[in-house]
């Protein structure tokens, strides 16, 4: 929605924002061969490049898309205000702000999931696997990545999971105390 608003704004600015340089089909003195829309195009592509630097992929999650879209929309608003299109700039500022607030209050799609990285060291992997699966079912969590490595006599489980509810550290510590085969447990909510 943010990119849509910004694209609409940039199109309006490109089309009407520089109409003050022409009078009755003729350009004003000193503007011979000038195409003011080229500057707007360079702002759009330059800010798009900066916005691309805000997008990060980590496992199954992508972050920074809203930030990148917000930066791009802000550039479009700046073009509108700079070209004297104050009403359009203010309207789009309000629309983008409202969209940002609503989308941060209401989580939708993959944004409604919380990613966690769970690292568990166990002595006996055969007894632990069913308990781990039960824990994932309790949180209605989906395992995105899973890696088991042998460390001496122990096994290290490293899982990246996504769930609607963040996995609770206290519950994991309770599981640690009730299962003697678990030597170490840690969780990082992303």
C-alpha atoms as a PDB file:
ATOM      1  CA  UNK A   1       0.000   0.000   0.000  1.00  0.00           C
ATOM      2  CA  UNK A   2       2.855   2.357   0.819  1.00  0.00           C
ATOM      3  CA  UNK A   3       4.623   1.733  -2.484  1.00  0.00           C
ATOM      4  CA  UNK A   4       1.298   2.195  -4.295  1.00  0.00           C
ATOM      5  CA  UNK A   5       0.696   5.562  -2.618  1.00  0.00           C
ATOM      6  CA  UNK A   6       4.239   6.687  -3.316  1.00  0.00           C
ATOM      7  CA  UNK A   7       4.132   5.559  -6.968  1.00  0.00           C
ATOM      8  CA  UNK A   8       0.872   7.428  -7.454  1.00  0.00           C
ATOM      9  CA  UNK A   9       2.381  10.516  -5.873  1.00  0.00           C
ATOM     10  CA  UNK A  10       5.550  10.373  -7.981  1.00  0.00           C
ATOM     11  CA  UNK A  11       3.452  10.007 -11.138  1.00  0.00           C
ATOM     12  CA  UNK A  12       1.373  13.062 -10.219  1.00  0.00           C
ATOM     13  CA  UNK A  13       4.527  15.058  -9.474  1.00  0.00           C
ATOM     14  CA  UNK A  14       6.128  13.968 -12.771  1.00  0.00           C
ATOM     15  CA  UNK A  15       3.015  14.916 -14.699  1.00  0.00           C
ATOM     16  CA  UNK A  16       1.932  18.146 -13.055  1.00  0.00           C
ATOM     17  CA  UNK A  17       4.667  19.250 -10.677  1.00  0.00           C
ATOM     18  CA  UNK A  18       6.674  21.147 -13.291  1.00  0.00           C
ATOM     19  CA  UNK A  19       3.836  22.790 -15.201  1.00  0.00           C
ATOM     20  CA  UNK A  20       4.969  26.179 -13.848  1.00  0.00           C
ATOM     21  CA  UNK A  21       8.013  26.136 -16.199  1.00  0.00           C
ATOM     22  CA  UNK A  22       5.807  26.437 -19.296  1.00  0.00           C
ATOM     23  CA  UNK A  23       3.454  29.187 -20.410  1.00  0.00           C
ATOM     24  CA  UNK A  24       1.190  28.826 -23.434  1.00  0.00           C
ATOM     25  CA  UNK A  25       3.263  25.891 -24.692  1.00  0.00           C
ATOM     26  CA  UNK A  26       6.546  27.838 -24.478  1.00  0.00           C
ATOM     27  CA  UNK A  27       9.308  27.455 -21.923  1.00  0.00           C
ATOM     28  CA  UNK A  28      10.384  30.396 -19.786  1.00  0.00           C
ATOM     29  CA  UNK A  29      13.737  32.058 -20.503  1.00  0.00           C
ATOM     30  CA  UNK A  30      16.685  30.198 -19.061  1.00  0.00           C
ATOM     31  CA  UNK A  31      14.977  26.813 -19.162  1.00  0.00           C
ATOM     32  CA  UNK A  32      15.743  25.948 -22.792  1.00  0.00           C
ATOM     33  CA  UNK A  33      15.932  22.167 -23.183  1.00  0.00           C
ATOM     34  CA  UNK A  34      15.310  21.604 -19.472  1.00  0.00           C
ATOM     35  CA  UNK A  35      13.373  18.532 -18.421  1.00  0.00           C
ATOM     36  CA  UNK A  36      12.646  18.920 -14.723  1.00  0.00           C
ATOM     37  CA  UNK A  37      11.095  15.450 -14.532  1.00  0.00           C
ATOM     38  CA  UNK A  38      14.578  13.942 -14.991  1.00  0.00           C
ATOM     39  CA  UNK A  39      15.529  15.163 -11.531  1.00  0.00           C
ATOM     40  CA  UNK A  40      12.466  13.523 -10.013  1.00  0.00           C
ATOM     41  CA  UNK A  41      13.352  10.278 -11.799  1.00  0.00           C
ATOM     42  CA  UNK A  42      16.846  10.354 -10.334  1.00  0.00           C
ATOM     43  CA  UNK A  43      15.467  10.903  -6.831  1.00  0.00           C
ATOM     44  CA  UNK A  44      13.160   7.925  -7.250  1.00  0.00           C
ATOM     45  CA  UNK A  45      15.900   5.570  -8.447  1.00  0.00           C
ATOM     46  CA  UNK A  46      18.444   6.843  -5.899  1.00  0.00           C
ATOM     47  CA  UNK A  47      16.084   6.462  -2.947  1.00  0.00           C
ATOM     48  CA  UNK A  48      15.032   3.041  -4.259  1.00  0.00           C
ATOM     49  CA  UNK A  49      18.671   1.989  -4.111  1.00  0.00           C
ATOM     50  CA  UNK A  50      18.911   3.207  -0.499  1.00  0.00           C
ATOM     51  CA  UNK A  51      15.666   1.434   0.395  1.00  0.00           C
ATOM     52  CA  UNK A  52      16.988  -1.834  -1.027  1.00  0.00           C
ATOM     53  CA  UNK A  53      19.778  -1.637   1.546  1.00  0.00           C
ATOM     54  CA  UNK A  54      17.156  -1.761   4.317  1.00  0.00           C
ATOM     55  CA  UNK A  55      15.787  -5.176   3.294  1.00  0.00           C
ATOM     56  CA  UNK A  56      17.284  -8.213   5.030  1.00  0.00           C
ATOM     57  CA  UNK A  57      16.513 -11.925   4.713  1.00  0.00           C
ATOM     58  CA  UNK A  58      17.189 -14.152   7.703  1.00  0.00           C
ATOM     59  CA  UNK A  59      16.123 -17.767   7.264  1.00  0.00           C
ATOM     60  CA  UNK A  60      12.420 -17.726   6.485  1.00  0.00           C
ATOM     61  CA  UNK A  61      11.808 -14.120   7.490  1.00  0.00           C
ATOM     62  CA  UNK A  62      12.305 -10.904   5.551  1.00  0.00           C
ATOM     63  CA  UNK A  63      12.620  -7.615   7.430  1.00  0.00           C
ATOM     64  CA  UNK A  64      12.851  -4.015   6.354  1.00  0.00           C
ATOM     65  CA  UNK A  65      10.235  -4.008   3.582  1.00  0.00           C
ATOM     66  CA  UNK A  66       7.998  -1.524   5.372  1.00  0.00           C
ATOM     67  CA  UNK A  67      10.975   0.675   6.216  1.00  0.00           C
ATOM     68  CA  UNK A  68      12.155   0.658   2.595  1.00  0.00           C
ATOM     69  CA  UNK A  69       8.642   1.472   1.343  1.00  0.00           C
ATOM     70  CA  UNK A  70       8.351   4.255   3.924  1.00  0.00           C
ATOM     71  CA  UNK A  71      11.643   5.792   2.796  1.00  0.00           C
ATOM     72  CA  UNK A  72      10.514   5.652  -0.821  1.00  0.00           C
ATOM     73  CA  UNK A  73       7.137   7.193   0.039  1.00  0.00           C
ATOM     74  CA  UNK A  74       8.866   9.948   1.989  1.00  0.00           C
ATOM     75  CA  UNK A  75      10.966  10.785  -1.077  1.00  0.00           C
ATOM     76  CA  UNK A  76       7.796  11.017  -3.161  1.00  0.00           C
ATOM     77  CA  UNK A  77       6.205  13.296  -0.566  1.00  0.00           C
ATOM     78  CA  UNK A  78       9.333  15.446  -0.660  1.00  0.00           C
ATOM     79  CA  UNK A  79       9.074  15.716  -4.454  1.00  0.00           C
ATOM     80  CA  UNK A  80       5.442  16.779  -4.174  1.00  0.00           C
ATOM     81  CA  UNK A  81       6.085  19.392  -1.498  1.00  0.00           C
ATOM     82  CA  UNK A  82       9.206  20.607  -3.313  1.00  0.00           C
ATOM     83  CA  UNK A  83       7.300  21.149  -6.540  1.00  0.00           C
ATOM     84  CA  UNK A  84       4.612  23.157  -4.758  1.00  0.00           C
ATOM     85  CA  UNK A  85       1.969  20.428  -4.625  1.00  0.00           C
ATOM     86  CA  UNK A  86       1.293  20.929  -0.928  1.00  0.00           C
ATOM     87  CA  UNK A  87      -2.236  19.483  -0.794  1.00  0.00           C
ATOM     88  CA  UNK A  88      -1.272  16.244  -2.543  1.00  0.00           C
ATOM     89  CA  UNK A  89       1.846  15.918  -0.371  1.00  0.00           C
ATOM     90  CA  UNK A  90      -0.144  16.409   2.838  1.00  0.00           C
ATOM     91  CA  UNK A  91      -2.874  13.960   1.767  1.00  0.00           C
ATOM     92  CA  UNK A  92      -0.326  11.253   0.926  1.00  0.00           C
ATOM     93  CA  UNK A  93       1.561  11.972   4.170  1.00  0.00           C
ATOM     94  CA  UNK A  94      -1.641  11.328   6.112  1.00  0.00           C
ATOM     95  CA  UNK A  95      -2.464   8.205   4.062  1.00  0.00           C
ATOM     96  CA  UNK A  96       1.015   6.692   4.480  1.00  0.00           C
ATOM     97  CA  UNK A  97       1.042   7.505   8.207  1.00  0.00           C
ATOM     98  CA  UNK A  98      -2.357   5.887   8.672  1.00  0.00           C
ATOM     99  CA  UNK A  99      -1.279   2.787   6.721  1.00  0.00           C
ATOM    100  CA  UNK A 100       1.931   2.515   8.771  1.00  0.00           C
ATOM    101  CA  UNK A 101       0.032   2.767  12.065  1.00  0.00           C
ATOM    102  CA  UNK A 102      -2.645   0.268  11.041  1.00  0.00           C
ATOM    103  CA  UNK A 103      -0.169  -2.272   9.688  1.00  0.00           C
ATOM    104  CA  UNK A 104       1.877  -2.137  12.902  1.00  0.00           C
ATOM    105  CA  UNK A 105      -1.211  -2.624  15.070  1.00  0.00           C
ATOM    106  CA  UNK A 106      -2.754  -5.453  13.034  1.00  0.00           C
ATOM    107  CA  UNK A 107      -0.279  -8.181  12.118  1.00  0.00           C
ATOM    108  CA  UNK A 108      -1.209  -9.992   8.899  1.00  0.00           C
ATOM    109  CA  UNK A 109       0.239 -12.853   6.900  1.00  0.00           C
ATOM    110  CA  UNK A 110       3.786 -13.865   7.777  1.00  0.00           C
ATOM    111  CA  UNK A 111       4.166 -10.753   9.946  1.00  0.00           C
ATOM    112  CA  UNK A 112       1.807 -12.330  12.459  1.00  0.00           C
ATOM    113  CA  UNK A 113       4.347 -15.120  13.087  1.00  0.00           C
ATOM    114  CA  UNK A 114       7.249 -14.839  15.512  1.00  0.00           C
ATOM    115  CA  UNK A 115      10.533 -16.476  14.573  1.00  0.00           C
ATOM    116  CA  UNK A 116      12.660 -18.078  17.268  1.00  0.00           C
ATOM    117  CA  UNK A 117      16.016 -19.808  17.205  1.00  0.00           C
ATOM    118  CA  UNK A 118      16.095 -22.680  19.710  1.00  0.00           C
ATOM    119  CA  UNK A 119      19.416 -24.259  20.681  1.00  0.00           C
ATOM    120  CA  UNK A 120      19.273 -27.405  22.860  1.00  0.00           C
ATOM    121  CA  UNK A 121      22.058 -29.791  23.902  1.00  0.00           C
ATOM    122  CA  UNK A 122      20.828 -33.278  24.855  1.00  0.00           C
ATOM    123  CA  UNK A 123      22.510 -36.436  26.077  1.00  0.00           C
ATOM    124  CA  UNK A 124      20.051 -38.855  24.468  1.00  0.00           C
ATOM    125  CA  UNK A 125      18.544 -37.846  21.157  1.00  0.00           C
ATOM    126  CA  UNK A 126      16.095 -40.762  20.888  1.00  0.00           C
ATOM    127  CA  UNK A 127      14.075 -39.716  23.940  1.00  0.00           C
ATOM    128  CA  UNK A 128      14.244 -36.013  23.164  1.00  0.00           C
ATOM    129  CA  UNK A 129      12.803 -35.944  19.620  1.00  0.00           C
ATOM    130  CA  UNK A 130       9.178 -36.764  20.639  1.00  0.00           C
ATOM    131  CA  UNK A 131       9.328 -34.162  23.436  1.00  0.00           C
ATOM    132  CA  UNK A 132      10.574 -31.524  20.999  1.00  0.00           C
ATOM    133  CA  UNK A 133       7.764 -32.357  18.555  1.00  0.00           C
ATOM    134  CA  UNK A 134       5.230 -32.089  21.405  1.00  0.00           C
ATOM    135  CA  UNK A 135       6.589 -28.660  22.331  1.00  0.00           C
ATOM    136  CA  UNK A 136       6.254 -27.477  18.726  1.00  0.00           C
ATOM    137  CA  UNK A 137       2.638 -28.726  18.607  1.00  0.00           C
ATOM    138  CA  UNK A 138       1.854 -26.886  21.858  1.00  0.00           C
ATOM    139  CA  UNK A 139       2.940 -23.595  20.286  1.00  0.00           C
ATOM    140  CA  UNK A 140       1.506 -24.510  16.886  1.00  0.00           C
ATOM    141  CA  UNK A 141       5.000 -23.819  15.559  1.00  0.00           C
ATOM    142  CA  UNK A 142       6.428 -24.725  12.181  1.00  0.00           C
ATOM    143  CA  UNK A 143      10.084 -25.711  11.942  1.00  0.00           C
ATOM    144  CA  UNK A 144      11.799 -23.683   9.205  1.00  0.00           C
ATOM    145  CA  UNK A 145      15.355 -24.992   9.610  1.00  0.00           C
ATOM    146  CA  UNK A 146      16.606 -27.885  11.680  1.00  0.00           C
ATOM    147  CA  UNK A 147      20.170 -29.036  12.318  1.00  0.00           C
ATOM    148  CA  UNK A 148      21.466 -31.800  14.603  1.00  0.00           C
ATOM    149  CA  UNK A 149      25.202 -32.010  15.294  1.00  0.00           C
ATOM    150  CA  UNK A 150      27.106 -34.475  17.463  1.00  0.00           C
ATOM    151  CA  UNK A 151      29.332 -32.911  20.106  1.00  0.00           C
ATOM    152  CA  UNK A 152      31.240 -35.642  21.926  1.00  0.00           C
ATOM    153  CA  UNK A 153      28.637 -37.736  23.750  1.00  0.00           C
ATOM    154  CA  UNK A 154      25.925 -35.066  23.306  1.00  0.00           C
ATOM    155  CA  UNK A 155      23.740 -33.867  20.461  1.00  0.00           C
ATOM    156  CA  UNK A 156      23.019 -30.209  19.671  1.00  0.00           C
ATOM    157  CA  UNK A 157      19.608 -29.375  18.231  1.00  0.00           C
ATOM    158  CA  UNK A 158      19.445 -26.027  16.484  1.00  0.00           C
ATOM    159  CA  UNK A 159      16.002 -25.184  15.157  1.00  0.00           C
ATOM    160  CA  UNK A 160      14.537 -22.060  13.639  1.00  0.00           C
ATOM    161  CA  UNK A 161      10.789 -22.087  14.180  1.00  0.00           C
ATOM    162  CA  UNK A 162       7.909 -19.728  13.519  1.00  0.00           C
ATOM    163  CA  UNK A 163       4.804 -19.533  15.661  1.00  0.00           C
ATOM    164  CA  UNK A 164       1.877 -17.191  16.319  1.00  0.00           C
ATOM    165  CA  UNK A 165       2.922 -16.888  19.974  1.00  0.00           C
ATOM    166  CA  UNK A 166       6.529 -16.267  21.069  1.00  0.00           C
ATOM    167  CA  UNK A 167       8.038 -19.332  22.716  1.00  0.00           C
ATOM    168  CA  UNK A 168       8.444 -18.689  26.443  1.00  0.00           C
ATOM    169  CA  UNK A 169      11.925 -18.933  28.001  1.00  0.00           C
ATOM    170  CA  UNK A 170      10.435 -19.877  31.400  1.00  0.00           C
ATOM    171  CA  UNK A 171       8.600 -22.841  29.895  1.00  0.00           C
ATOM    172  CA  UNK A 172      11.792 -23.980  28.187  1.00  0.00           C
ATOM    173  CA  UNK A 173      13.647 -23.743  31.509  1.00  0.00           C
ATOM    174  CA  UNK A 174      10.887 -25.834  33.126  1.00  0.00           C
ATOM    175  CA  UNK A 175      11.376 -28.455  30.417  1.00  0.00           C
ATOM    176  CA  UNK A 176      15.111 -28.337  31.141  1.00  0.00           C
ATOM    177  CA  UNK A 177      14.617 -29.111  34.833  1.00  0.00           C
ATOM    178  CA  UNK A 178      12.118 -31.940  34.259  1.00  0.00           C
ATOM    179  CA  UNK A 179      14.215 -33.729  31.600  1.00  0.00           C
ATOM    180  CA  UNK A 180      17.617 -34.896  32.761  1.00  0.00           C
ATOM    181  CA  UNK A 181      18.763 -35.693  29.214  1.00  0.00           C
ATOM    182  CA  UNK A 182      18.740 -31.960  28.383  1.00  0.00           C
ATOM    183  CA  UNK A 183      22.066 -30.378  29.318  1.00  0.00           C
ATOM    184  CA  UNK A 184      21.611 -26.878  27.943  1.00  0.00           C
ATOM    185  CA  UNK A 185      18.825 -24.851  26.363  1.00  0.00           C
ATOM    186  CA  UNK A 186      18.606 -21.341  24.921  1.00  0.00           C
ATOM    187  CA  UNK A 187      16.160 -19.408  22.799  1.00  0.00           C
ATOM    188  CA  UNK A 188      16.457 -16.241  20.781  1.00  0.00           C
ATOM    189  CA  UNK A 189      13.194 -14.586  19.709  1.00  0.00           C
ATOM    190  CA  UNK A 190      13.840 -12.810  16.422  1.00  0.00           C
END
